[in-house]
Amino acid sequence: TNNGVSWTQKKTVLNAADPVIEFDNQGNILFSYLLRTEDEIYIIKSTDLGTSWTVPYNVSNAGSDTADKEWLAIDRYTNYIYLTWKELGTSSSIKFSRSTDGGNSFPVRFNLASVASGMLSPFIMTGNDGLVYITYVVVHNFNQSNETFDLKFAKSTDYGLNFTITDIDANLTPPGY
């Protein structure tokens, strides 16, 4: 309330990591995080500038898999909330979920991509007219001397219902090898 001169702690989430915060066009705060004790991605919402928060909602429902490195974006026109994260199990996946009701539920949830090797943290942004963009990295030969990376770009033109995925660059070799 004073341009960042002083701060008040309103919410503590124990055993949380990878926090992401966004505001919708009504001034609500959406806060996503990894709950490390469960390896699940949760989201909470405040409608009063952080004084009170909703009950945490488990977006990932990863079960025996491990969810990690979520990112959150909100379409400022529709207030649709988009989440993406990586999930590790028998394979590596980039997951995607969407809420059209202000974060009360996330009924749209699917694998954006899945590979046997590794994935690195996804990042998500929105554009105008239903555009949703996600970037992520596919790792080949993970932790080996011949490790390479593919930079991927996923684009949706229908509010996250469908995506096309293209390579930004493929078979990049990390420095130092």
N, C-alpha and C. Protein backbone atom coordinates (compact mmCIF):
# COMPACT_ATOMS: atom_id res chain seq x y z
N THR A 1 0.82 -1.21 0.00
CA THR A 1 0.00 0.00 0.00
C THR A 1 0.85 1.27 0.00
N ASN A 2 2.17 1.12 0.17
CA ASN A 2 3.04 2.31 0.18
C ASN A 2 4.19 2.16 -0.83
N ASN A 3 3.88 1.62 -1.99
CA ASN A 3 4.84 1.46 -3.09
C ASN A 3 6.05 0.61 -2.72
N GLY A 4 5.84 -0.39 -1.85
CA GLY A 4 6.91 -1.32 -1.52
C GLY A 4 7.88 -0.86 -0.47
N VAL A 5 7.59 0.23 0.23
CA VAL A 5 8.50 0.71 1.28
C VAL A 5 8.53 -0.26 2.44
N SER A 6 7.38 -0.78 2.82
CA SER A 6 7.33 -1.77 3.90
C SER A 6 6.44 -2.94 3.46
N TRP A 7 6.65 -4.10 4.10
CA TRP A 7 5.95 -5.31 3.73
C TRP A 7 5.33 -5.95 4.97
N THR A 8 4.22 -6.64 4.77
CA THR A 8 3.57 -7.39 5.83
C THR A 8 3.41 -8.82 5.36
N GLN A 9 3.86 -9.76 6.17
CA GLN A 9 3.70 -11.17 5.81
C GLN A 9 2.28 -11.59 6.11
N LYS A 10 1.59 -12.10 5.09
CA LYS A 10 0.20 -12.49 5.24
C LYS A 10 -0.02 -14.00 5.22
N LYS A 11 0.87 -14.74 4.58
CA LYS A 11 0.65 -16.18 4.41
C LYS A 11 1.98 -16.90 4.45
N THR A 12 2.04 -17.96 5.22
CA THR A 12 3.21 -18.83 5.25
C THR A 12 2.77 -20.22 4.83
N VAL A 13 3.44 -20.76 3.83
CA VAL A 13 3.16 -22.11 3.37
C VAL A 13 4.39 -22.94 3.70
N LEU A 14 4.25 -23.84 4.66
CA LEU A 14 5.38 -24.66 5.09
C LEU A 14 5.71 -25.72 4.04
N ASN A 15 6.99 -26.02 3.91
CA ASN A 15 7.48 -27.04 2.98
C ASN A 15 7.09 -26.76 1.54
N ALA A 16 7.03 -25.48 1.19
CA ALA A 16 6.67 -25.10 -0.17
C ALA A 16 7.91 -24.63 -0.93
N ALA A 17 7.86 -24.80 -2.23
CA ALA A 17 8.95 -24.36 -3.10
C ALA A 17 8.35 -23.86 -4.41
N ASP A 18 9.16 -23.24 -5.22
CA ASP A 18 8.79 -22.79 -6.56
C ASP A 18 7.54 -21.91 -6.57
N PRO A 19 7.48 -20.87 -5.73
CA PRO A 19 6.28 -20.04 -5.69
C PRO A 19 6.13 -19.17 -6.94
N VAL A 20 4.89 -19.05 -7.40
CA VAL A 20 4.56 -18.16 -8.51
C VAL A 20 3.31 -17.39 -8.12
N ILE A 21 3.31 -16.09 -8.36
CA ILE A 21 2.17 -15.25 -7.98
C ILE A 21 1.70 -14.46 -9.20
N GLU A 22 0.39 -14.34 -9.36
CA GLU A 22 -0.22 -13.58 -10.44
C GLU A 22 -1.47 -12.89 -9.92
N PHE A 23 -1.87 -11.82 -10.58
CA PHE A 23 -3.11 -11.11 -10.28
C PHE A 23 -4.04 -11.25 -11.47
N ASP A 24 -5.34 -11.46 -11.20
CA ASP A 24 -6.29 -11.45 -12.30
C ASP A 24 -6.80 -10.03 -12.51
N ASN A 25 -7.71 -9.84 -13.45
CA ASN A 25 -8.16 -8.47 -13.75
C ASN A 25 -9.15 -7.91 -12.74
N GLN A 26 -9.47 -8.67 -11.70
CA GLN A 26 -10.33 -8.18 -10.62
C GLN A 26 -9.55 -7.91 -9.34
N GLY A 27 -8.21 -8.03 -9.43
CA GLY A 27 -7.36 -7.76 -8.28
C GLY A 27 -7.17 -8.94 -7.35
N ASN A 28 -7.66 -10.12 -7.72
CA ASN A 28 -7.45 -11.32 -6.91
C ASN A 28 -6.02 -11.80 -7.09
N ILE A 29 -5.44 -12.37 -6.03
CA ILE A 29 -4.10 -12.92 -6.09
C ILE A 29 -4.20 -14.43 -6.21
N LEU A 30 -3.50 -14.99 -7.19
CA LEU A 30 -3.38 -16.43 -7.34
C LEU A 30 -1.94 -16.80 -7.04
N PHE A 31 -1.76 -17.81 -6.21
CA PHE A 31 -0.44 -18.21 -5.74
C PHE A 31 -0.30 -19.71 -5.92
N SER A 32 0.61 -20.14 -6.79
CA SER A 32 0.85 -21.57 -6.99
C SER A 32 2.20 -21.93 -6.38
N TYR A 33 2.31 -23.19 -5.96
CA TYR A 33 3.54 -23.64 -5.31
C TYR A 33 3.62 -25.16 -5.34
N LEU A 34 4.83 -25.65 -5.18
CA LEU A 34 5.08 -27.07 -5.02
C LEU A 34 5.08 -27.37 -3.53
N LEU A 35 4.25 -28.30 -3.11
CA LEU A 35 4.28 -28.76 -1.73
C LEU A 35 5.26 -29.93 -1.68
N ARG A 36 6.44 -29.67 -1.12
CA ARG A 36 7.54 -30.64 -1.18
C ARG A 36 7.24 -31.93 -0.44
N THR A 37 6.43 -31.89 0.60
CA THR A 37 6.14 -33.11 1.36
C THR A 37 5.28 -34.08 0.55
N GLU A 38 4.61 -33.59 -0.49
CA GLU A 38 3.74 -34.44 -1.31
C GLU A 38 4.17 -34.51 -2.77
N ASP A 39 5.09 -33.65 -3.19
CA ASP A 39 5.48 -33.54 -4.60
C ASP A 39 4.27 -33.25 -5.48
N GLU A 40 3.43 -32.33 -5.03
CA GLU A 40 2.22 -31.95 -5.76
C GLU A 40 2.20 -30.42 -5.93
N ILE A 41 1.51 -29.97 -6.98
CA ILE A 41 1.36 -28.54 -7.27
C ILE A 41 -0.01 -28.08 -6.74
N TYR A 42 0.03 -27.03 -5.92
CA TYR A 42 -1.19 -26.47 -5.34
C TYR A 42 -1.36 -25.02 -5.76
N ILE A 43 -2.61 -24.55 -5.68
CA ILE A 43 -2.89 -23.15 -5.91
C ILE A 43 -3.83 -22.66 -4.82
N ILE A 44 -3.62 -21.42 -4.38
CA ILE A 44 -4.52 -20.77 -3.44
C ILE A 44 -4.85 -19.39 -3.99
N LYS A 45 -5.93 -18.81 -3.48
CA LYS A 45 -6.42 -17.54 -4.01
C LYS A 45 -6.81 -16.63 -2.86
N SER A 46 -6.53 -15.35 -3.04
CA SER A 46 -6.96 -14.34 -2.09
C SER A 46 -7.76 -13.28 -2.84
N THR A 47 -8.93 -12.94 -2.28
CA THR A 47 -9.77 -11.90 -2.88
C THR A 47 -9.68 -10.59 -2.09
N ASP A 48 -8.81 -10.58 -1.05
CA ASP A 48 -8.69 -9.39 -0.20
C ASP A 48 -7.22 -8.98 0.02
N LEU A 49 -6.45 -9.03 -1.08
CA LEU A 49 -5.05 -8.60 -1.09
C LEU A 49 -4.18 -9.36 -0.10
N GLY A 50 -4.47 -10.62 0.10
CA GLY A 50 -3.61 -11.48 0.90
C GLY A 50 -3.97 -11.58 2.37
N THR A 51 -5.04 -10.97 2.80
CA THR A 51 -5.46 -11.08 4.21
C THR A 51 -5.95 -12.49 4.51
N SER A 52 -6.72 -13.07 3.59
CA SER A 52 -7.18 -14.45 3.76
C SER A 52 -7.00 -15.20 2.45
N TRP A 53 -6.96 -16.54 2.55
CA TRP A 53 -6.69 -17.38 1.40
C TRP A 53 -7.65 -18.56 1.36
N THR A 54 -7.90 -19.07 0.16
CA THR A 54 -8.75 -20.24 0.00
C THR A 54 -8.00 -21.48 0.50
N VAL A 55 -8.74 -22.55 0.63
CA VAL A 55 -8.14 -23.85 0.94
C VAL A 55 -7.29 -24.26 -0.27
N PRO A 56 -6.10 -24.80 -0.07
CA PRO A 56 -5.26 -25.19 -1.20
C PRO A 56 -5.95 -26.22 -2.10
N TYR A 57 -5.80 -26.01 -3.41
CA TYR A 57 -6.37 -26.91 -4.42
C TYR A 57 -5.22 -27.63 -5.10
N ASN A 58 -5.26 -28.97 -5.10
CA ASN A 58 -4.22 -29.77 -5.74
C ASN A 58 -4.49 -29.83 -7.24
N VAL A 59 -3.70 -29.10 -8.01
CA VAL A 59 -3.88 -29.06 -9.46
C VAL A 59 -3.25 -30.26 -10.13
N SER A 60 -2.09 -30.70 -9.65
CA SER A 60 -1.34 -31.74 -10.35
C SER A 60 -1.91 -33.14 -10.16
N ASN A 61 -2.34 -33.49 -8.95
CA ASN A 61 -2.80 -34.86 -8.68
C ASN A 61 -1.85 -35.89 -9.29
N ALA A 62 -0.57 -35.74 -8.99
CA ALA A 62 0.47 -36.56 -9.61
C ALA A 62 0.49 -37.99 -9.09
N GLY A 63 -0.12 -38.24 -7.95
CA GLY A 63 -0.15 -39.60 -7.41
C GLY A 63 1.25 -40.07 -7.06
N SER A 64 1.68 -41.18 -7.66
CA SER A 64 3.00 -41.72 -7.36
C SER A 64 4.11 -41.01 -8.15
N ASP A 65 3.75 -40.17 -9.12
CA ASP A 65 4.74 -39.40 -9.85
C ASP A 65 5.14 -38.17 -9.05
N THR A 66 6.16 -37.46 -9.51
CA THR A 66 6.65 -36.27 -8.82
C THR A 66 6.40 -35.04 -9.68
N ALA A 67 5.59 -34.11 -9.18
CA ALA A 67 5.35 -32.85 -9.87
C ALA A 67 6.39 -31.84 -9.41
N ASP A 68 6.78 -30.93 -10.31
CA ASP A 68 7.82 -29.96 -9.98
C ASP A 68 7.80 -28.80 -10.97
N LYS A 69 8.34 -27.68 -10.55
CA LYS A 69 8.62 -26.52 -11.40
C LYS A 69 7.39 -26.01 -12.16
N GLU A 70 6.35 -25.68 -11.41
CA GLU A 70 5.15 -25.16 -12.05
C GLU A 70 5.34 -23.69 -12.43
N TRP A 71 4.52 -23.25 -13.38
CA TRP A 71 4.44 -21.84 -13.71
C TRP A 71 2.99 -21.51 -13.99
N LEU A 72 2.61 -20.28 -13.68
CA LEU A 72 1.23 -19.83 -13.69
C LEU A 72 1.10 -18.62 -14.60
N ALA A 73 0.01 -18.55 -15.35
CA ALA A 73 -0.30 -17.37 -16.16
C ALA A 73 -1.80 -17.16 -16.15
N ILE A 74 -2.21 -15.90 -16.26
CA ILE A 74 -3.64 -15.57 -16.28
C ILE A 74 -3.93 -14.72 -17.51
N ASP A 75 -4.94 -15.10 -18.28
CA ASP A 75 -5.41 -14.32 -19.41
C ASP A 75 -6.17 -13.12 -18.83
N ARG A 76 -5.68 -11.93 -19.06
CA ARG A 76 -6.25 -10.72 -18.46
C ARG A 76 -7.65 -10.36 -19.01
N TYR A 77 -8.03 -10.94 -20.15
CA TYR A 77 -9.33 -10.64 -20.72
C TYR A 77 -10.41 -11.58 -20.22
N THR A 78 -10.08 -12.87 -20.13
CA THR A 78 -11.06 -13.87 -19.73
C THR A 78 -10.93 -14.29 -18.27
N ASN A 79 -9.80 -13.98 -17.66
CA ASN A 79 -9.44 -14.46 -16.31
C ASN A 79 -9.25 -15.97 -16.26
N TYR A 80 -9.07 -16.62 -17.41
CA TYR A 80 -8.70 -18.03 -17.41
C TYR A 80 -7.32 -18.16 -16.78
N ILE A 81 -7.16 -19.19 -15.97
CA ILE A 81 -5.91 -19.43 -15.27
C ILE A 81 -5.26 -20.67 -15.89
N TYR A 82 -3.99 -20.53 -16.24
CA TYR A 82 -3.25 -21.63 -16.87
C TYR A 82 -2.07 -22.01 -15.99
N LEU A 83 -1.87 -23.30 -15.82
CA LEU A 83 -0.72 -23.82 -15.08
C LEU A 83 -0.02 -24.87 -15.93
N THR A 84 1.30 -24.86 -15.86
CA THR A 84 2.08 -25.91 -16.49
C THR A 84 3.17 -26.33 -15.51
N TRP A 85 3.59 -27.59 -15.58
CA TRP A 85 4.62 -28.11 -14.69
C TRP A 85 5.23 -29.34 -15.33
N LYS A 86 6.36 -29.75 -14.78
CA LYS A 86 6.93 -31.02 -15.24
C LYS A 86 6.57 -32.09 -14.23
N GLU A 87 6.46 -33.31 -14.73
CA GLU A 87 6.13 -34.43 -13.88
C GLU A 87 7.06 -35.59 -14.21
N LEU A 88 7.63 -36.17 -13.18
CA LEU A 88 8.58 -37.26 -13.36
C LEU A 88 7.98 -38.54 -12.81
N GLY A 89 8.07 -39.57 -13.60
CA GLY A 89 7.59 -40.90 -13.21
C GLY A 89 8.36 -41.90 -14.04
N THR A 90 7.65 -42.78 -14.74
CA THR A 90 8.34 -43.70 -15.64
C THR A 90 8.87 -42.97 -16.86
N SER A 91 8.33 -41.78 -17.12
CA SER A 91 8.84 -40.90 -18.18
C SER A 91 8.77 -39.47 -17.65
N SER A 92 9.28 -38.53 -18.42
CA SER A 92 9.19 -37.12 -18.07
C SER A 92 8.09 -36.49 -18.90
N SER A 93 7.26 -35.68 -18.26
CA SER A 93 6.14 -35.06 -18.96
C SER A 93 6.06 -33.58 -18.63
N ILE A 94 5.52 -32.84 -19.59
CA ILE A 94 5.10 -31.46 -19.34
C ILE A 94 3.59 -31.51 -19.27
N LYS A 95 3.05 -31.11 -18.13
CA LYS A 95 1.60 -31.14 -17.91
C LYS A 95 1.02 -29.73 -18.07
N PHE A 96 -0.26 -29.68 -18.37
CA PHE A 96 -0.96 -28.42 -18.55
C PHE A 96 -2.34 -28.53 -17.92
N SER A 97 -2.78 -27.45 -17.29
CA SER A 97 -4.13 -27.41 -16.74
C SER A 97 -4.70 -26.01 -16.89
N ARG A 98 -6.02 -25.93 -16.97
CA ARG A 98 -6.70 -24.65 -17.18
C ARG A 98 -7.93 -24.56 -16.29
N SER A 99 -8.13 -23.36 -15.74
CA SER A 99 -9.35 -23.07 -14.97
C SER A 99 -10.08 -21.93 -15.66
N THR A 100 -11.40 -22.10 -15.82
CA THR A 100 -12.23 -21.03 -16.39
C THR A 100 -13.16 -20.44 -15.35
N ASP A 101 -13.01 -20.87 -14.09
CA ASP A 101 -13.90 -20.39 -13.03
C ASP A 101 -13.14 -19.71 -11.88
N GLY A 102 -12.06 -19.01 -12.23
CA GLY A 102 -11.33 -18.25 -11.23
C GLY A 102 -10.45 -19.08 -10.31
N GLY A 103 -10.16 -20.30 -10.68
CA GLY A 103 -9.29 -21.15 -9.86
C GLY A 103 -10.03 -22.07 -8.91
N ASN A 104 -11.34 -22.14 -9.01
CA ASN A 104 -12.10 -23.06 -8.16
C ASN A 104 -11.93 -24.51 -8.59
N SER A 105 -11.70 -24.72 -9.89
CA SER A 105 -11.45 -26.07 -10.40
C SER A 105 -10.55 -25.96 -11.63
N PHE A 106 -9.91 -27.07 -11.94
CA PHE A 106 -9.03 -27.16 -13.10
C PHE A 106 -9.38 -28.42 -13.88
N PRO A 107 -10.55 -28.42 -14.54
CA PRO A 107 -11.01 -29.64 -15.21
C PRO A 107 -10.21 -30.02 -16.46
N VAL A 108 -9.62 -29.05 -17.14
CA VAL A 108 -8.79 -29.35 -18.31
C VAL A 108 -7.38 -29.64 -17.82
N ARG A 109 -6.93 -30.89 -18.00
CA ARG A 109 -5.60 -31.29 -17.55
C ARG A 109 -5.11 -32.38 -18.50
N PHE A 110 -3.92 -32.17 -19.09
CA PHE A 110 -3.40 -33.18 -20.00
C PHE A 110 -1.89 -33.09 -20.13
N ASN A 111 -1.32 -34.14 -20.74
CA ASN A 111 0.10 -34.17 -21.09
C ASN A 111 0.29 -33.28 -22.31
N LEU A 112 1.14 -32.30 -22.20
CA LEU A 112 1.50 -31.50 -23.36
C LEU A 112 2.56 -32.25 -24.16
N ALA A 113 3.49 -32.87 -23.44
CA ALA A 113 4.57 -33.63 -24.09
C ALA A 113 5.08 -34.67 -23.10
N SER A 114 5.58 -35.77 -23.62
CA SER A 114 6.13 -36.82 -22.77
C SER A 114 7.27 -37.49 -23.50
N VAL A 115 8.39 -37.69 -22.80
CA VAL A 115 9.56 -38.34 -23.38
C VAL A 115 10.17 -39.28 -22.37
N ALA A 116 10.95 -40.24 -22.85
CA ALA A 116 11.60 -41.20 -21.96
C ALA A 116 12.82 -40.59 -21.27
N SER A 117 13.39 -39.54 -21.88
CA SER A 117 14.59 -38.94 -21.29
C SER A 117 14.20 -37.93 -20.22
N GLY A 118 14.53 -36.68 -20.37
CA GLY A 118 14.23 -35.70 -19.34
C GLY A 118 13.60 -34.44 -19.91
N MET A 119 12.97 -33.68 -19.02
CA MET A 119 12.38 -32.40 -19.38
C MET A 119 12.87 -31.38 -18.37
N LEU A 120 12.99 -30.14 -18.82
CA LEU A 120 13.30 -29.05 -17.91
C LEU A 120 12.11 -28.13 -17.81
N SER A 121 12.13 -27.32 -16.81
CA SER A 121 11.02 -26.49 -16.37
C SER A 121 10.30 -25.74 -17.50
N PRO A 122 8.99 -25.88 -17.55
CA PRO A 122 8.22 -25.13 -18.53
C PRO A 122 7.96 -23.70 -18.06
N PHE A 123 7.70 -22.83 -19.02
CA PHE A 123 7.32 -21.44 -18.73
C PHE A 123 6.12 -21.13 -19.60
N ILE A 124 5.13 -20.42 -19.05
CA ILE A 124 3.88 -20.16 -19.76
C ILE A 124 3.55 -18.68 -19.76
N MET A 125 2.98 -18.21 -20.87
CA MET A 125 2.51 -16.82 -21.00
C MET A 125 1.22 -16.82 -21.82
N THR A 126 0.46 -15.75 -21.70
CA THR A 126 -0.74 -15.61 -22.52
C THR A 126 -0.59 -14.40 -23.43
N GLY A 127 -1.35 -14.45 -24.52
CA GLY A 127 -1.41 -13.33 -25.45
C GLY A 127 -2.86 -12.92 -25.62
N ASN A 128 -3.14 -12.21 -26.66
CA ASN A 128 -4.52 -11.76 -26.93
C ASN A 128 -5.32 -12.86 -27.63
N ASP A 129 -6.61 -12.78 -27.52
CA ASP A 129 -7.53 -13.64 -28.28
C ASP A 129 -7.31 -15.13 -28.11
N GLY A 130 -7.11 -15.58 -26.88
CA GLY A 130 -7.02 -17.01 -26.61
C GLY A 130 -5.66 -17.62 -26.83
N LEU A 131 -4.62 -16.81 -27.03
CA LEU A 131 -3.28 -17.35 -27.26
C LEU A 131 -2.63 -17.75 -25.95
N VAL A 132 -2.07 -18.95 -25.92
CA VAL A 132 -1.31 -19.45 -24.77
C VAL A 132 0.01 -19.99 -25.32
N TYR A 133 1.11 -19.58 -24.71
CA TYR A 133 2.44 -20.00 -25.16
C TYR A 133 3.16 -20.73 -24.02
N ILE A 134 3.82 -21.83 -24.35
CA ILE A 134 4.61 -22.57 -23.37
C ILE A 134 5.96 -22.92 -24.01
N THR A 135 7.03 -22.66 -23.28
CA THR A 135 8.34 -23.11 -23.72
C THR A 135 8.86 -24.13 -22.71
N TYR A 136 9.64 -25.07 -23.19
CA TYR A 136 10.25 -26.07 -22.31
C TYR A 136 11.44 -26.69 -23.03
N VAL A 137 12.20 -27.48 -22.31
CA VAL A 137 13.40 -28.10 -22.85
C VAL A 137 13.31 -29.62 -22.69
N VAL A 138 13.61 -30.34 -23.76
CA VAL A 138 13.73 -31.80 -23.72
C VAL A 138 15.22 -32.12 -23.61
N VAL A 139 15.57 -32.99 -22.69
CA VAL A 139 16.96 -33.38 -22.48
C VAL A 139 17.14 -34.81 -22.99
N HIS A 140 18.13 -34.98 -23.87
CA HIS A 140 18.48 -36.32 -24.36
C HIS A 140 19.76 -36.77 -23.68
N ASN A 141 19.84 -38.06 -23.35
CA ASN A 141 21.02 -38.62 -22.69
C ASN A 141 21.33 -37.87 -21.39
N PHE A 142 20.32 -37.74 -20.56
CA PHE A 142 20.39 -36.96 -19.32
C PHE A 142 21.59 -37.37 -18.46
N ASN A 143 22.34 -36.39 -18.01
CA ASN A 143 23.51 -36.58 -17.14
C ASN A 143 24.59 -37.46 -17.76
N GLN A 144 24.69 -37.49 -19.05
CA GLN A 144 25.74 -38.24 -19.73
C GLN A 144 26.61 -37.26 -20.52
N SER A 145 27.78 -37.70 -20.92
CA SER A 145 28.70 -36.80 -21.61
C SER A 145 28.18 -36.37 -22.98
N ASN A 146 27.25 -37.12 -23.56
CA ASN A 146 26.68 -36.75 -24.86
C ASN A 146 25.29 -36.13 -24.73
N GLU A 147 25.02 -35.50 -23.59
CA GLU A 147 23.73 -34.86 -23.33
C GLU A 147 23.48 -33.72 -24.31
N THR A 148 22.26 -33.67 -24.88
CA THR A 148 21.86 -32.59 -25.76
C THR A 148 20.46 -32.10 -25.36
N PHE A 149 20.10 -30.92 -25.86
CA PHE A 149 18.83 -30.30 -25.51
C PHE A 149 18.06 -29.90 -26.77
N ASP A 150 16.75 -30.03 -26.70
CA ASP A 150 15.85 -29.47 -27.71
C ASP A 150 15.01 -28.41 -27.05
N LEU A 151 15.01 -27.20 -27.59
CA LEU A 151 14.15 -26.14 -27.10
C LEU A 151 12.82 -26.23 -27.83
N LYS A 152 11.72 -26.31 -27.07
CA LYS A 152 10.39 -26.50 -27.65
C LYS A 152 9.51 -25.28 -27.41
N PHE A 153 8.60 -25.06 -28.35
CA PHE A 153 7.65 -23.96 -28.27
C PHE A 153 6.26 -24.52 -28.56
N ALA A 154 5.36 -24.39 -27.61
CA ALA A 154 3.98 -24.85 -27.79
C ALA A 154 3.06 -23.63 -27.86
N LYS A 155 2.12 -23.66 -28.79
CA LYS A 155 1.22 -22.53 -28.98
C LYS A 155 -0.22 -23.03 -29.10
N SER A 156 -1.11 -22.37 -28.36
CA SER A 156 -2.53 -22.64 -28.46
C SER A 156 -3.23 -21.37 -28.93
N THR A 157 -4.17 -21.53 -29.85
CA THR A 157 -4.96 -20.39 -30.32
C THR A 157 -6.40 -20.49 -29.83
N ASP A 158 -6.70 -21.50 -28.99
CA ASP A 158 -8.07 -21.72 -28.53
C ASP A 158 -8.15 -21.86 -27.01
N TYR A 159 -7.47 -20.95 -26.31
CA TYR A 159 -7.52 -20.88 -24.84
C TYR A 159 -7.00 -22.15 -24.16
N GLY A 160 -6.03 -22.80 -24.77
CA GLY A 160 -5.40 -23.94 -24.14
C GLY A 160 -6.08 -25.28 -24.35
N LEU A 161 -6.99 -25.36 -25.29
CA LEU A 161 -7.63 -26.66 -25.56
C LEU A 161 -6.77 -27.54 -26.44
N ASN A 162 -6.04 -26.94 -27.38
CA ASN A 162 -5.17 -27.66 -28.30
C ASN A 162 -3.87 -26.88 -28.46
N PHE A 163 -2.78 -27.60 -28.66
CA PHE A 163 -1.47 -26.97 -28.84
C PHE A 163 -0.78 -27.55 -30.07
N THR A 164 -0.01 -26.70 -30.75
CA THR A 164 0.95 -27.16 -31.74
C THR A 164 2.33 -26.95 -31.15
N ILE A 165 3.22 -27.91 -31.35
CA ILE A 165 4.56 -27.86 -30.75
C ILE A 165 5.59 -27.86 -31.88
N THR A 166 6.51 -26.91 -31.77
CA THR A 166 7.59 -26.83 -32.75
C THR A 166 8.93 -26.75 -32.03
N ASP A 167 9.98 -27.10 -32.76
CA ASP A 167 11.34 -26.96 -32.23
C ASP A 167 11.80 -25.52 -32.45
N ILE A 168 12.31 -24.92 -31.40
CA ILE A 168 12.99 -23.64 -31.55
C ILE A 168 14.41 -23.92 -32.03
N ASP A 169 15.04 -24.87 -31.39
CA ASP A 169 16.38 -25.32 -31.76
C ASP A 169 16.54 -26.75 -31.24
N ALA A 170 17.23 -27.58 -31.99
CA ALA A 170 17.35 -28.98 -31.60
C ALA A 170 18.82 -29.39 -31.47
N ASN A 171 19.04 -30.38 -30.63
CA ASN A 171 20.36 -30.97 -30.43
C ASN A 171 21.43 -29.97 -30.01
N LEU A 172 21.06 -29.08 -29.13
CA LEU A 172 22.03 -28.15 -28.58
C LEU A 172 22.92 -28.88 -27.59
N THR A 173 24.20 -28.57 -27.62
CA THR A 173 25.14 -29.17 -26.69
C THR A 173 25.42 -28.17 -25.60
N PRO A 174 25.30 -28.57 -24.33
CA PRO A 174 25.56 -27.62 -23.25
C PRO A 174 27.03 -27.19 -23.23
N PRO A 175 27.31 -25.98 -22.79
CA PRO A 175 28.70 -25.53 -22.73
C PRO A 175 29.51 -26.37 -21.76
N GLY A 176 30.77 -26.54 -22.05
CA GLY A 176 31.65 -27.25 -21.15
C GLY A 176 31.80 -28.72 -21.47
N TYR A 177 31.10 -29.21 -22.49
CA TYR A 177 31.23 -30.63 -22.85
C TYR A 177 32.21 -30.79 -23.98
